[in-house]
């Protein structure tokens, strides 16, 4: 089946207020009313502190807004966390969960990622669940065991009915911010494997509807060949999403 492409820009801890607003305004000039925005989903994930202002700047646009993480609790004494209800309150409709930097740098476990997924879904958000292996794990031929485990544990307790609000992002850790990226063949192999895992969890029909993005040094120069790979339905873009020109070229892939 034809799945609607989904291109998302994760700004990480970059830009200041002026830069964030300038970027989103440039994206609107390039995309609002365009054929690309009618044919594919586009989203940006600014730092939490700029979400409300970016939401106002996106008012009336089909460009979507998301939070880079979401607390596993709805409210309470959780200093430094941001809940799904808070994200929705300021205009976000999406949240990332399990990004490799959260797993690798801040020690987030599969169980915590799963709790974040459930919290986001309970707040009415859509979720991008990230999975990916390190270089050592790939070299040890553990790509499938690692990503399959992260996917199954991250989706534990998520029903087939709710699965339609989940996107998967395969982001090999060895390709993030390194300038290296998985070849289209490598990406396609893992994406096809992950769709098979989804089919085992929820059946073929549900699995066919889930979009699987690729993330890891996606650039204008490689996005088209990556998007042509089997089961690659979009891209979760890091550094190249911080410049309007490069992100617009990615969104306009052919």
Protein backbone atom coordinates (compact mmCIF):
# COMPACT_ATOMS: atom_id res chain seq x y z
CA UNK A 1 0.00 0.00 0.00
CA UNK A 2 1.05 3.61 -0.50
CA UNK A 3 1.84 5.28 2.81
CA UNK A 4 1.90 9.07 3.03
CA UNK A 5 5.54 10.24 3.37
CA UNK A 6 6.41 11.87 6.69
CA UNK A 7 9.39 14.28 6.91
CA UNK A 8 10.23 15.63 10.36
CA UNK A 9 12.92 18.02 11.57
CA UNK A 10 14.34 17.43 15.06
CA UNK A 11 16.09 20.67 16.04
CA UNK A 12 17.58 19.13 19.21
CA UNK A 13 19.23 21.73 21.52
CA UNK A 14 19.89 24.27 18.78
CA UNK A 15 18.79 27.79 17.76
CA UNK A 16 17.71 30.73 19.83
CA UNK A 17 14.24 32.31 19.82
CA UNK A 18 14.96 34.56 16.85
CA UNK A 19 16.52 31.73 14.87
CA UNK A 20 13.65 29.36 15.62
CA UNK A 21 11.04 31.85 14.43
CA UNK A 22 13.05 32.78 11.35
CA UNK A 23 13.39 29.12 10.41
CA UNK A 24 9.72 28.31 10.76
CA UNK A 25 8.73 31.44 8.84
CA UNK A 26 11.05 30.43 6.00
CA UNK A 27 9.53 26.94 5.99
CA UNK A 28 6.06 28.45 5.72
CA UNK A 29 7.10 30.61 2.79
CA UNK A 30 8.47 27.57 1.04
CA UNK A 31 5.72 25.08 1.82
CA UNK A 32 2.35 26.68 2.59
CA UNK A 33 -0.04 25.92 -0.26
CA UNK A 34 2.53 23.73 -2.01
CA UNK A 35 1.90 20.37 -3.66
CA UNK A 36 4.47 18.83 -1.32
CA UNK A 37 2.55 19.86 1.80
CA UNK A 38 -0.65 18.45 0.32
CA UNK A 39 0.99 15.11 -0.50
CA UNK A 40 3.16 14.49 2.55
CA UNK A 41 3.30 15.24 6.27
CA UNK A 42 5.89 17.71 7.57
CA UNK A 43 6.67 18.41 11.22
CA UNK A 44 9.21 20.29 13.30
CA UNK A 45 10.41 19.50 16.82
CA UNK A 46 11.82 22.67 18.46
CA UNK A 47 13.26 22.84 21.99
CA UNK A 48 10.51 22.93 24.63
CA UNK A 49 11.08 26.61 25.48
CA UNK A 50 10.17 27.71 21.94
CA UNK A 51 7.15 25.46 21.37
CA UNK A 52 4.46 28.03 22.17
CA UNK A 53 5.98 30.73 19.98
CA UNK A 54 6.60 28.33 17.11
CA UNK A 55 3.00 27.14 17.45
CA UNK A 56 1.78 30.71 17.04
CA UNK A 57 4.06 31.18 14.05
CA UNK A 58 2.61 28.00 12.48
CA UNK A 59 -1.03 28.94 13.04
CA UNK A 60 -2.97 28.24 9.83
CA UNK A 61 -0.20 26.10 8.35
CA UNK A 62 -0.28 22.34 7.73
CA UNK A 63 3.26 22.06 9.13
CA UNK A 64 2.92 20.11 12.36
CA UNK A 65 4.59 20.66 15.74
CA UNK A 66 6.03 18.18 18.21
CA UNK A 67 7.95 17.88 21.47
CA UNK A 68 11.38 16.26 21.55
CA UNK A 69 10.41 14.11 24.54
CA UNK A 70 7.43 13.58 26.84
CA UNK A 71 7.18 12.70 30.52
CA UNK A 72 5.95 9.23 31.47
CA UNK A 73 3.57 10.87 33.97
CA UNK A 74 0.57 13.13 33.36
CA UNK A 75 1.32 15.57 36.25
CA UNK A 76 3.06 15.82 39.61
CA UNK A 77 6.42 16.35 41.30
CA UNK A 78 8.65 15.60 38.31
CA UNK A 79 11.05 18.52 38.13
CA UNK A 80 12.36 19.26 34.65
CA UNK A 81 9.81 17.09 32.83
CA UNK A 82 7.10 18.14 30.37
CA UNK A 83 3.84 16.20 30.14
CA UNK A 84 1.86 15.27 27.08
CA UNK A 85 -1.01 17.44 28.27
CA UNK A 86 1.38 20.41 28.44
CA UNK A 87 2.60 19.72 24.93
CA UNK A 88 -0.95 19.67 23.60
CA UNK A 89 -1.80 22.80 25.57
CA UNK A 90 0.82 24.83 23.69
CA UNK A 91 -0.13 23.46 20.26
CA UNK A 92 1.93 20.31 19.74
CA UNK A 93 0.32 17.21 18.26
CA UNK A 94 3.36 14.92 18.31
CA UNK A 95 6.12 13.73 20.62
CA UNK A 96 9.36 11.83 20.15
CA UNK A 97 10.07 8.86 22.42
CA UNK A 98 13.24 6.83 22.71
CA UNK A 99 15.54 9.00 20.62
CA UNK A 100 19.00 7.46 20.63
CA UNK A 101 20.48 10.47 22.41
CA UNK A 102 18.00 9.96 25.25
CA UNK A 103 18.87 6.28 25.39
CA UNK A 104 22.65 6.67 25.02
CA UNK A 105 23.35 9.91 26.90
CA UNK A 106 20.66 9.84 29.57
CA UNK A 107 20.23 6.13 30.12
CA UNK A 108 16.56 5.82 29.20
CA UNK A 109 15.52 2.17 29.29
CA UNK A 110 13.09 0.40 26.99
CA UNK A 111 10.63 0.33 29.89
CA UNK A 112 10.84 4.10 30.43
CA UNK A 113 10.47 4.70 26.70
CA UNK A 114 7.37 2.50 26.71
CA UNK A 115 5.91 4.50 29.59
CA UNK A 116 6.57 7.72 27.66
CA UNK A 117 4.79 6.25 24.62
CA UNK A 118 1.73 5.39 26.70
CA UNK A 119 1.70 8.79 28.39
CA UNK A 120 1.85 10.61 25.05
CA UNK A 121 -0.93 8.48 23.56
CA UNK A 122 -3.09 8.97 26.66
CA UNK A 123 -2.72 12.74 26.18
CA UNK A 124 -3.99 12.48 22.62
CA UNK A 125 -0.62 12.97 20.96
CA UNK A 126 0.86 11.01 18.11
CA UNK A 127 4.25 9.42 18.79
CA UNK A 128 7.44 8.82 16.86
CA UNK A 129 9.12 5.86 18.56
CA UNK A 130 12.84 5.75 17.77
CA UNK A 131 14.92 2.58 17.58
CA UNK A 132 18.48 1.96 16.45
CA UNK A 133 21.71 0.09 17.07
CA UNK A 134 25.20 1.32 17.92
CA UNK A 135 28.22 0.69 15.71
CA UNK A 136 29.45 -2.06 18.05
CA UNK A 137 26.06 -3.76 17.90
CA UNK A 138 25.98 -3.61 14.10
CA UNK A 139 29.50 -5.00 13.88
CA UNK A 140 28.43 -7.82 16.20
CA UNK A 141 25.52 -8.62 13.85
CA UNK A 142 23.00 -7.55 16.50
CA UNK A 143 21.07 -4.98 14.46
CA UNK A 144 17.91 -7.04 14.25
CA UNK A 145 17.97 -8.29 17.84
CA UNK A 146 18.53 -4.77 19.22
CA UNK A 147 16.02 -2.92 17.06
CA UNK A 148 13.46 -5.71 17.35
CA UNK A 149 13.74 -5.65 21.15
CA UNK A 150 13.46 -1.86 21.30
CA UNK A 151 10.41 -1.94 19.05
CA UNK A 152 8.60 -4.73 20.87
CA UNK A 153 9.31 -3.32 24.34
CA UNK A 154 8.57 0.23 23.26
CA UNK A 155 5.15 -0.83 22.00
CA UNK A 156 4.31 -3.20 24.87
CA UNK A 157 0.65 -2.73 25.76
CA UNK A 158 -0.09 -0.58 22.70
CA UNK A 159 -3.15 -1.96 20.93
CA UNK A 160 -3.57 -2.32 17.19
CA UNK A 161 -6.27 0.36 17.32
CA UNK A 162 -3.91 2.92 18.85
CA UNK A 163 -0.98 1.87 16.67
CA UNK A 164 -2.28 4.12 13.89
CA UNK A 165 -1.05 7.08 15.97
CA UNK A 166 2.50 5.72 16.13
CA UNK A 167 5.32 6.24 13.64
CA UNK A 168 8.57 4.30 13.94
CA UNK A 169 11.93 5.96 13.26
CA UNK A 170 14.92 3.74 12.55
CA UNK A 171 17.99 5.77 13.43
CA UNK A 172 21.27 3.83 13.53
CA UNK A 173 23.30 5.46 16.29
CA UNK A 174 26.48 5.20 14.21
CA UNK A 175 24.93 7.43 11.53
CA UNK A 176 23.66 10.27 13.71
CA UNK A 177 25.73 13.42 13.43
CA UNK A 178 28.67 11.49 11.97
CA UNK A 179 28.23 12.33 8.30
CA UNK A 180 27.78 8.61 7.62
CA UNK A 181 24.42 7.17 6.76
CA UNK A 182 23.02 3.74 6.13
CA UNK A 183 22.99 2.82 2.47
CA UNK A 184 19.54 2.52 0.93
CA UNK A 185 19.99 -1.26 0.97
CA UNK A 186 20.92 -1.25 4.69
CA UNK A 187 18.01 1.03 5.57
CA UNK A 188 15.58 -1.00 3.49
CA UNK A 189 16.65 -4.26 5.10
CA UNK A 190 16.09 -2.95 8.63
CA UNK A 191 12.81 -1.24 7.75
CA UNK A 192 11.48 -4.43 6.16
CA UNK A 193 12.57 -6.39 9.25
CA UNK A 194 10.84 -3.90 11.57
CA UNK A 195 7.62 -4.12 9.57
CA UNK A 196 7.82 -7.86 10.01
CA UNK A 197 8.17 -7.40 13.78
CA UNK A 198 5.10 -5.14 13.72
CA UNK A 199 3.20 -7.79 11.76
CA UNK A 200 4.12 -10.37 14.39
CA UNK A 201 2.85 -8.06 17.13
CA UNK A 202 -0.32 -6.74 15.52
CA UNK A 203 -0.93 -8.55 12.22
CA UNK A 204 -0.12 -7.76 8.61
CA UNK A 205 -2.89 -5.22 8.06
CA UNK A 206 -1.94 -3.04 11.04
CA UNK A 207 1.76 -3.29 10.17
CA UNK A 208 1.16 -2.14 6.60
CA UNK A 209 -0.33 1.13 7.84
CA UNK A 210 2.56 2.09 10.13
CA UNK A 211 5.05 4.55 8.70
CA UNK A 212 8.74 3.90 9.33
CA UNK A 213 11.10 6.84 8.98
CA UNK A 214 14.86 6.69 8.51
CA UNK A 215 17.04 8.98 10.62
CA UNK A 216 20.80 9.45 10.51
CA UNK A 217 22.68 12.08 8.50
CA UNK A 218 19.80 12.60 6.07
CA UNK A 219 20.71 15.34 3.60
CA UNK A 220 19.35 16.76 0.34
CA UNK A 221 22.00 14.72 -1.47
CA UNK A 222 20.84 11.33 -0.16
CA UNK A 223 17.16 11.69 0.72
CA UNK A 224 15.76 10.58 -2.64
CA UNK A 225 17.73 7.34 -2.75
CA UNK A 226 16.87 6.61 0.88
CA UNK A 227 13.17 7.26 0.25
CA UNK A 228 13.29 4.84 -2.68
CA UNK A 229 14.41 1.98 -0.43
CA UNK A 230 11.86 -0.69 0.59
CA UNK A 231 9.58 0.25 3.47
CA UNK A 232 11.18 3.70 4.01
CA UNK A 233 8.25 6.08 4.48
CA UNK A 234 9.95 9.26 5.59
CA UNK A 235 12.88 10.82 7.39
CA UNK A 236 13.65 12.10 10.88
CA UNK A 237 16.16 14.84 10.09
CA UNK A 238 18.63 16.38 12.52
CA UNK A 239 21.29 18.87 11.44
CA UNK A 240 19.91 19.39 7.93
CA UNK A 241 16.59 20.56 9.42
CA UNK A 242 18.23 23.61 11.02
CA UNK A 243 18.59 25.40 7.68
CA UNK A 244 15.44 26.17 5.72
CA UNK A 245 17.05 25.59 2.32
CA UNK A 246 18.31 22.11 3.14
CA UNK A 247 15.15 20.98 4.93
CA UNK A 248 12.96 22.29 2.11
CA UNK A 249 15.03 20.29 -0.39
CA UNK A 250 14.52 17.20 1.76
CA UNK A 251 10.76 17.75 1.95
CA UNK A 252 10.69 18.20 -1.84
CA UNK A 253 12.50 14.90 -2.53
CA UNK A 254 11.67 13.16 -5.80
